[in-house]
Amino acid sequence: MAQAQGLGKRYLKAFFKGFFVAVPVTVTFLDRVACVARVEGASMQPSLNPGGRQASDVVLLNHWSIRNYDVQRGDIVSLV
């Protein structure tokens, strides 16, 4: 019983150690590099949601290009 309890503590400690490393890395990535967003509604038709269907499109928002001012004609820019 004591060995199983020690094993559980080890796994719990490893989980929290990984959690406290993964969360800041993920937040930094989503803030600085890219994130995924869903586009719903008719405001972006016909580029997104073509054909008037009610399903939403999923897009990758590239934060890296905006930070480097690498925006070109024809790019879709999202503002929050």
PDB file of N, CA and C in Angstrom:
ATOM      1  N   MET A   1       0.824  -1.192   0.000  1.00  0.00           N
ATOM      2  CA  MET A   1       0.000   0.000   0.000  1.00  0.00           C
ATOM      3  C   MET A   1       0.863   1.249   0.000  1.00  0.00           C
ATOM      4  N   ALA A   2       1.938   1.231   0.796  1.00  0.00           N
ATOM      5  CA  ALA A   2       2.817   2.396   0.884  1.00  0.00           C
ATOM      6  C   ALA A   2       3.534   2.624  -0.440  1.00  0.00           C
ATOM      7  N   GLN A   3       3.867   1.529  -1.134  1.00  0.00           N
ATOM      8  CA  GLN A   3       4.549   1.667  -2.420  1.00  0.00           C
ATOM      9  C   GLN A   3       3.615   2.286  -3.459  1.00  0.00           C
ATOM     10  N   ALA A   4       2.344   1.892  -3.460  1.00  0.00           N
ATOM     11  CA  ALA A   4       1.366   2.460  -4.386  1.00  0.00           C
ATOM     12  C   ALA A   4       1.131   3.940  -4.084  1.00  0.00           C
ATOM     13  N   GLN A   5       1.153   4.296  -2.813  1.00  0.00           N
ATOM     14  CA  GLN A   5       0.960   5.695  -2.429  1.00  0.00           C
ATOM     15  C   GLN A   5       2.150   6.544  -2.882  1.00  0.00           C
ATOM     16  N   GLY A   6       3.369   6.012  -2.757  1.00  0.00           N
ATOM     17  CA  GLY A   6       4.567   6.711  -3.225  1.00  0.00           C
ATOM     18  C   GLY A   6       4.573   6.857  -4.734  1.00  0.00           C
ATOM     19  N   LEU A   7       4.079   5.824  -5.431  1.00  0.00           N
ATOM     20  CA  LEU A   7       3.999   5.876  -6.889  1.00  0.00           C
ATOM     21  C   LEU A   7       2.999   6.933  -7.343  1.00  0.00           C
ATOM     22  N   GLY A   8       1.873   7.034  -6.634  1.00  0.00           N
ATOM     23  CA  GLY A   8       0.870   8.051  -6.957  1.00  0.00           C
ATOM     24  C   GLY A   8       1.404   9.453  -6.742  1.00  0.00           C
ATOM     25  N   LYS A   9       2.158   9.649  -5.683  1.00  0.00           N
ATOM     26  CA  LYS A   9       2.748  10.969  -5.429  1.00  0.00           C
ATOM     27  C   LYS A   9       3.742  11.344  -6.518  1.00  0.00           C
ATOM     28  N   ARG A  10       4.504  10.349  -6.988  1.00  0.00           N
ATOM     29  CA  ARG A  10       5.474  10.619  -8.054  1.00  0.00           C
ATOM     30  C   ARG A  10       4.780  11.044  -9.341  1.00  0.00           C
ATOM     31  N   TYR A  11       3.712  10.332  -9.697  1.00  0.00           N
ATOM     32  CA  TYR A  11       2.964  10.673 -10.912  1.00  0.00           C
ATOM     33  C   TYR A  11       2.300  12.035 -10.783  1.00  0.00           C
ATOM     34  N   LEU A  12       1.779  12.332  -9.616  1.00  0.00           N
ATOM     35  CA  LEU A  12       1.144  13.625  -9.388  1.00  0.00           C
ATOM     36  C   LEU A  12       2.170  14.762  -9.478  1.00  0.00           C
ATOM     37  N   LYS A  13       3.336  14.545  -8.907  1.00  0.00           N
ATOM     38  CA  LYS A  13       4.403  15.545  -8.973  1.00  0.00           C
ATOM     39  C   LYS A  13       4.852  15.750 -10.422  1.00  0.00           C
ATOM     40  N   ALA A  14       4.998  14.677 -11.179  1.00  0.00           N
ATOM     41  CA  ALA A  14       5.395  14.779 -12.592  1.00  0.00           C
ATOM     42  C   ALA A  14       4.312  15.490 -13.409  1.00  0.00           C
ATOM     43  N   PHE A  15       3.046  15.240 -13.099  1.00  0.00           N
ATOM     44  CA  PHE A  15       1.954  15.905 -13.810  1.00  0.00           C
ATOM     45  C   PHE A  15       2.005  17.410 -13.584  1.00  0.00           C
ATOM     46  N   PHE A  16       2.125  17.823 -12.336  1.00  0.00           N
ATOM     47  CA  PHE A  16       2.141  19.252 -12.036  1.00  0.00           C
ATOM     48  C   PHE A  16       3.380  19.936 -12.603  1.00  0.00           C
ATOM     49  N   LYS A  17       4.510  19.247 -12.605  1.00  0.00           N
ATOM     50  CA  LYS A  17       5.715  19.818 -13.185  1.00  0.00           C
ATOM     51  C   LYS A  17       5.519  20.042 -14.689  1.00  0.00           C
ATOM     52  N   GLY A  18       4.955  19.069 -15.377  1.00  0.00           N
ATOM     53  CA  GLY A  18       4.667  19.212 -16.801  1.00  0.00           C
ATOM     54  C   GLY A  18       3.615  20.269 -17.069  1.00  0.00           C
ATOM     55  N   PHE A  19       2.623  20.358 -16.186  1.00  0.00           N
ATOM     56  CA  PHE A  19       1.549  21.348 -16.339  1.00  0.00           C
ATOM     57  C   PHE A  19       2.095  22.764 -16.247  1.00  0.00           C
ATOM     58  N   PHE A  20       2.960  23.003 -15.268  1.00  0.00           N
ATOM     59  CA  PHE A  20       3.500  24.352 -15.079  1.00  0.00           C
ATOM     60  C   PHE A  20       4.518  24.735 -16.143  1.00  0.00           C
ATOM     61  N   VAL A  21       4.976  23.794 -16.935  1.00  0.00           N
ATOM     62  CA  VAL A  21       5.828  24.100 -18.082  1.00  0.00           C
ATOM     63  C   VAL A  21       4.964  24.268 -19.333  1.00  0.00           C
ATOM     64  N   ALA A  22       3.979  23.412 -19.519  1.00  0.00           N
ATOM     65  CA  ALA A  22       3.178  23.412 -20.743  1.00  0.00           C
ATOM     66  C   ALA A  22       2.262  24.627 -20.853  1.00  0.00           C
ATOM     67  N   VAL A  23       1.686  25.074 -19.763  1.00  0.00           N
ATOM     68  CA  VAL A  23       0.737  26.192 -19.820  1.00  0.00           C
ATOM     69  C   VAL A  23       1.414  27.488 -20.279  1.00  0.00           C
ATOM     70  N   PRO A  24       2.535  27.916 -19.694  1.00  0.00           N
ATOM     71  CA  PRO A  24       3.160  29.146 -20.194  1.00  0.00           C
ATOM     72  C   PRO A  24       3.652  29.040 -21.640  1.00  0.00           C
ATOM     73  N   VAL A  25       4.148  27.870 -22.022  1.00  0.00           N
ATOM     74  CA  VAL A  25       4.598  27.685 -23.401  1.00  0.00           C
ATOM     75  C   VAL A  25       3.416  27.793 -24.359  1.00  0.00           C
ATOM     76  N   THR A  26       2.295  27.179 -24.020  1.00  0.00           N
ATOM     77  CA  THR A  26       1.109  27.232 -24.868  1.00  0.00           C
ATOM     78  C   THR A  26       0.548  28.638 -24.960  1.00  0.00           C
ATOM     79  N   VAL A  27       0.463  29.343 -23.848  1.00  0.00           N
ATOM     80  CA  VAL A  27      -0.063  30.705 -23.853  1.00  0.00           C
ATOM     81  C   VAL A  27       0.832  31.617 -24.678  1.00  0.00           C
ATOM     82  N   THR A  28       2.142  31.481 -24.540  1.00  0.00           N
ATOM     83  CA  THR A  28       3.072  32.292 -25.329  1.00  0.00           C
ATOM     84  C   THR A  28       2.931  31.995 -26.813  1.00  0.00           C
ATOM     85  N   PHE A  29       2.810  30.719 -27.177  1.00  0.00           N
ATOM     86  CA  PHE A  29       2.639  30.353 -28.582  1.00  0.00           C
ATOM     87  C   PHE A  29       1.362  30.957 -29.153  1.00  0.00           C
ATOM     88  N   LEU A  30       0.255  30.829 -28.435  1.00  0.00           N
ATOM     89  CA  LEU A  30      -1.022  31.341 -28.926  1.00  0.00           C
ATOM     90  C   LEU A  30      -1.029  32.864 -29.007  1.00  0.00           C
ATOM     91  N   ASP A  31      -0.268  33.534 -28.171  1.00  0.00           N
ATOM     92  CA  ASP A  31      -0.224  34.992 -28.172  1.00  0.00           C
ATOM     93  C   ASP A  31       0.733  35.543 -29.221  1.00  0.00           C
ATOM     94  N   ARG A  32       1.853  34.891 -29.436  1.00  0.00           N
ATOM     95  CA  ARG A  32       2.900  35.436 -30.299  1.00  0.00           C
ATOM     96  C   ARG A  32       2.956  34.843 -31.691  1.00  0.00           C
ATOM     97  N   VAL A  33       2.605  33.580 -31.865  1.00  0.00           N
ATOM     98  CA  VAL A  33       2.829  32.906 -33.153  1.00  0.00           C
ATOM     99  C   VAL A  33       1.530  32.719 -33.925  1.00  0.00           C
ATOM    100  N   ALA A  34       0.606  31.947 -33.415  1.00  0.00           N
ATOM    101  CA  ALA A  34      -0.618  31.652 -34.154  1.00  0.00           C
ATOM    102  C   ALA A  34      -1.675  31.087 -33.226  1.00  0.00           C
ATOM    103  N   CYS A  35      -2.924  31.188 -33.645  1.00  0.00           N
ATOM    104  CA  CYS A  35      -4.017  30.561 -32.916  1.00  0.00           C
ATOM    105  C   CYS A  35      -5.104  30.164 -33.916  1.00  0.00           C
ATOM    106  N   VAL A  36      -6.008  29.339 -33.471  1.00  0.00           N
ATOM    107  CA  VAL A  36      -7.092  28.841 -34.313  1.00  0.00           C
ATOM    108  C   VAL A  36      -8.371  29.581 -33.935  1.00  0.00           C
ATOM    109  N   ALA A  37      -9.140  29.988 -34.956  1.00  0.00           N
ATOM    110  CA  ALA A  37     -10.396  30.693 -34.709  1.00  0.00           C
ATOM    111  C   ALA A  37     -11.475  30.135 -35.626  1.00  0.00           C
ATOM    112  N   ARG A  38     -12.710  30.315 -35.211  1.00  0.00           N
ATOM    113  CA  ARG A  38     -13.847  29.863 -36.001  1.00  0.00           C
ATOM    114  C   ARG A  38     -14.556  31.079 -36.596  1.00  0.00           C
ATOM    115  N   VAL A  39     -14.879  31.008 -37.882  1.00  0.00           N
ATOM    116  CA  VAL A  39     -15.582  32.090 -38.567  1.00  0.00           C
ATOM    117  C   VAL A  39     -17.004  31.630 -38.833  1.00  0.00           C
ATOM    118  N   GLU A  40     -17.961  32.370 -38.294  1.00  0.00           N
ATOM    119  CA  GLU A  40     -19.372  32.037 -38.466  1.00  0.00           C
ATOM    120  C   GLU A  40     -20.092  33.227 -39.075  1.00  0.00           C
ATOM    121  N   GLY A  41     -21.154  32.962 -39.768  1.00  0.00           N
ATOM    122  CA  GLY A  41     -21.981  34.034 -40.317  1.00  0.00           C
ATOM    123  C   GLY A  41     -21.641  34.370 -41.747  1.00  0.00           C
ATOM    124  N   ALA A  42     -22.400  35.307 -42.285  1.00  0.00           N
ATOM    125  CA  ALA A  42     -22.292  35.652 -43.704  1.00  0.00           C
ATOM    126  C   ALA A  42     -21.371  36.838 -43.970  1.00  0.00           C
ATOM    127  N   SER A  43     -20.712  37.362 -42.963  1.00  0.00           N
ATOM    128  CA  SER A  43     -19.926  38.577 -43.159  1.00  0.00           C
ATOM    129  C   SER A  43     -18.706  38.369 -44.049  1.00  0.00           C
ATOM    130  N   MET A  44     -18.174  37.173 -44.118  1.00  0.00           N
ATOM    131  CA  MET A  44     -16.978  36.916 -44.925  1.00  0.00           C
ATOM    132  C   MET A  44     -17.275  36.121 -46.196  1.00  0.00           C
ATOM    133  N   GLN A  45     -18.528  35.987 -46.567  1.00  0.00           N
ATOM    134  CA  GLN A  45     -18.847  35.265 -47.804  1.00  0.00           C
ATOM    135  C   GLN A  45     -18.471  36.111 -48.998  1.00  0.00           C
ATOM    136  N   PRO A  46     -18.034  35.602 -50.072  1.00  0.00           N
ATOM    137  CA  PRO A  46     -17.850  34.204 -50.470  1.00  0.00           C
ATOM    138  C   PRO A  46     -16.472  33.640 -50.123  1.00  0.00           C
ATOM    139  N   SER A  47     -15.571  34.441 -49.536  1.00  0.00           N
ATOM    140  CA  SER A  47     -14.232  33.924 -49.213  1.00  0.00           C
ATOM    141  C   SER A  47     -14.298  32.800 -48.196  1.00  0.00           C
ATOM    142  N   LEU A  48     -15.033  33.006 -47.126  1.00  0.00           N
ATOM    143  CA  LEU A  48     -15.226  31.981 -46.104  1.00  0.00           C
ATOM    144  C   LEU A  48     -16.707  31.646 -46.034  1.00  0.00           C
ATOM    145  N   ASN A  49     -17.024  30.429 -45.688  1.00  0.00           N
ATOM    146  CA  ASN A  49     -18.398  29.915 -45.688  1.00  0.00           C
ATOM    147  C   ASN A  49     -19.054  30.079 -47.064  1.00  0.00           C
ATOM    148  N   PRO A  50     -18.435  29.557 -48.120  1.00  0.00           N
ATOM    149  CA  PRO A  50     -19.013  29.723 -49.457  1.00  0.00           C
ATOM    150  C   PRO A  50     -20.316  28.959 -49.619  1.00  0.00           C
ATOM    151  N   GLY A  51     -21.136  29.436 -50.494  1.00  0.00           N
ATOM    152  CA  GLY A  51     -22.380  28.758 -50.813  1.00  0.00           C
ATOM    153  C   GLY A  51     -23.501  29.006 -49.831  1.00  0.00           C
ATOM    154  N   GLY A  52     -23.311  29.883 -48.871  1.00  0.00           N
ATOM    155  CA  GLY A  52     -24.367  30.207 -47.928  1.00  0.00           C
ATOM    156  C   GLY A  52     -24.682  29.114 -46.932  1.00  0.00           C
ATOM    157  N   ARG A  53     -23.806  28.142 -46.786  1.00  0.00           N
ATOM    158  CA  ARG A  53     -24.069  27.071 -45.823  1.00  0.00           C
ATOM    159  C   ARG A  53     -23.903  27.587 -44.404  1.00  0.00           C
ATOM    160  N   GLN A  54     -24.555  26.949 -43.482  1.00  0.00           N
ATOM    161  CA  GLN A  54     -24.575  27.409 -42.096  1.00  0.00           C
ATOM    162  C   GLN A  54     -23.373  26.917 -41.279  1.00  0.00           C
ATOM    163  N   ALA A  55     -22.562  26.017 -41.836  1.00  0.00           N
ATOM    164  CA  ALA A  55     -21.403  25.504 -41.105  1.00  0.00           C
ATOM    165  C   ALA A  55     -20.357  26.605 -40.958  1.00  0.00           C
ATOM    166  N   SER A  56     -19.565  26.519 -39.926  1.00  0.00           N
ATOM    167  CA  SER A  56     -18.522  27.514 -39.709  1.00  0.00           C
ATOM    168  C   SER A  56     -17.191  26.997 -40.255  1.00  0.00           C
ATOM    169  N   ASP A  57     -16.340  27.918 -40.666  1.00  0.00           N
ATOM    170  CA  ASP A  57     -14.998  27.574 -41.127  1.00  0.00           C
ATOM    171  C   ASP A  57     -14.013  27.802 -39.991  1.00  0.00           C
ATOM    172  N   VAL A  58     -12.954  27.013 -39.989  1.00  0.00           N
ATOM    173  CA  VAL A  58     -11.893  27.154 -39.009  1.00  0.00           C
ATOM    174  C   VAL A  58     -10.674  27.713 -39.722  1.00  0.00           C
ATOM    175  N   VAL A  59     -10.082  28.779 -39.168  1.00  0.00           N
ATOM    176  CA  VAL A  59      -8.931  29.426 -39.795  1.00  0.00           C
ATOM    177  C   VAL A  59      -7.783  29.511 -38.790  1.00  0.00           C
ATOM    178  N   LEU A  60      -6.581  29.616 -39.324  1.00  0.00           N
ATOM    179  CA  LEU A  60      -5.390  29.814 -38.511  1.00  0.00           C
ATOM    180  C   LEU A  60      -5.016  31.287 -38.593  1.00  0.00           C
ATOM    181  N   LEU A  61      -5.019  31.960 -37.448  1.00  0.00           N
ATOM    182  CA  LEU A  61      -4.645  33.369 -37.393  1.00  0.00           C
ATOM    183  C   LEU A  61      -3.143  33.454 -37.140  1.00  0.00           C
ATOM    184  N   ASN A  62      -2.429  34.032 -38.079  1.00  0.00           N
ATOM    185  CA  ASN A  62      -0.974  34.109 -38.029  1.00  0.00           C
ATOM    186  C   ASN A  62      -0.557  35.431 -37.393  1.00  0.00           C
ATOM    187  N   HIS A  63      -0.168  35.396 -36.141  1.00  0.00           N
ATOM    188  CA  HIS A  63       0.253  36.603 -35.430  1.00  0.00           C
ATOM    189  C   HIS A  63       1.663  37.021 -35.844  1.00  0.00           C
ATOM    190  N   TRP A  64       2.457  36.070 -36.302  1.00  0.00           N
ATOM    191  CA  TRP A  64       3.845  36.329 -36.646  1.00  0.00           C
ATOM    192  C   TRP A  64       3.956  37.303 -37.812  1.00  0.00           C
ATOM    193  N   SER A  65       3.117  37.155 -38.831  1.00  0.00           N
ATOM    194  CA  SER A  65       3.162  38.048 -39.989  1.00  0.00           C
ATOM    195  C   SER A  65       2.777  39.471 -39.622  1.00  0.00           C
ATOM    196  N   ILE A  66       1.833  39.624 -38.727  1.00  0.00           N
ATOM    197  CA  ILE A  66       1.412  40.959 -38.308  1.00  0.00           C
ATOM    198  C   ILE A  66       2.533  41.648 -37.537  1.00  0.00           C
ATOM    199  N   ARG A  67       3.216  40.914 -36.690  1.00  0.00           N
ATOM    200  CA  ARG A  67       4.308  41.514 -35.919  1.00  0.00           C
ATOM    201  C   ARG A  67       5.464  41.941 -36.813  1.00  0.00           C
ATOM    202  N   ASN A  68       5.670  41.256 -37.933  1.00  0.00           N
ATOM    203  CA  ASN A  68       6.751  41.584 -38.867  1.00  0.00           C
ATOM    204  C   ASN A  68       6.274  42.476 -40.013  1.00  0.00           C
ATOM    205  N   TYR A  69       5.057  42.970 -39.947  1.00  0.00           N
ATOM    206  CA  TYR A  69       4.461  43.826 -40.979  1.00  0.00           C
ATOM    207  C   TYR A  69       4.535  43.167 -42.355  1.00  0.00           C
ATOM    208  N   ASP A  70       4.241  41.879 -42.405  1.00  0.00           N
ATOM    209  CA  ASP A  70       4.286  41.127 -43.661  1.00  0.00           C
ATOM    210  C   ASP A  70       2.869  40.907 -44.183  1.00  0.00           C
ATOM    211  N   VAL A  71       2.061  41.958 -44.207  1.00  0.00           N
ATOM    212  CA  VAL A  71       0.692  41.878 -44.697  1.00  0.00           C
ATOM    213  C   VAL A  71       0.689  42.353 -46.138  1.00  0.00           C
ATOM    214  N   GLN A  72       0.025  41.566 -46.996  1.00  0.00           N
ATOM    215  CA  GLN A  72      -0.005  41.892 -48.422  1.00  0.00           C
ATOM    216  C   GLN A  72      -1.442  42.053 -48.881  1.00  0.00           C
ATOM    217  N   ARG A  73      -1.602  42.611 -50.051  1.00  0.00           N
ATOM    218  CA  ARG A  73      -2.929  42.795 -50.632  1.00  0.00           C
ATOM    219  C   ARG A  73      -3.580  41.436 -50.824  1.00  0.00           C
ATOM    220  N   GLY A  74      -4.839  41.321 -50.442  1.00  0.00           N
ATOM    221  CA  GLY A  74      -5.579  40.073 -50.566  1.00  0.00           C
ATOM    222  C   GLY A  74      -5.602  39.254 -49.290  1.00  0.00           C
ATOM    223  N   ASP A  75      -4.795  39.617 -48.300  1.00  0.00           N
ATOM    224  CA  ASP A  75      -4.796  38.915 -47.008  1.00  0.00           C
ATOM    225  C   ASP A  75      -6.032  39.327 -46.219  1.00  0.00           C
ATOM    226  N   ILE A  76      -6.552  38.407 -45.452  1.00  0.00           N
ATOM    227  CA  ILE A  76      -7.676  38.695 -44.561  1.00  0.00           C
ATOM    228  C   ILE A  76      -7.089  39.019 -43.198  1.00  0.00           C
ATOM    229  N   VAL A  77      -7.459  40.178 -42.663  1.00  0.00           N
ATOM    230  CA  VAL A  77      -6.942  40.629 -41.373  1.00  0.00           C
ATOM    231  C   VAL A  77      -8.081  40.585 -40.370  1.00  0.00           C
ATOM    232  N   SER A  78      -7.796  40.019 -39.203  1.00  0.00           N
ATOM    233  CA  SER A  78      -8.799  39.902 -38.145  1.00  0.00           C
ATOM    234  C   SER A  78      -8.457  40.870 -37.019  1.00  0.00           C
ATOM    235  N   LEU A  79      -9.447  41.645 -36.602  1.00  0.00           N
ATOM    236  CA  LEU A  79      -9.274  42.586 -35.492  1.00  0.00           C
ATOM    237  C   LEU A  79     -10.140  42.158 -34.340  1.00  0.00           C
ATOM    238  N   VAL A  80      -9.632  42.274 -33.137  1.00  0.00           N
ATOM    239  CA  VAL A  80     -10.402  41.916 -31.947  1.00  0.00           C
ATOM    240  C   VAL A  80     -10.769  43.183 -31.216  1.00  0.00           C
TER     241      VAL A  80
END
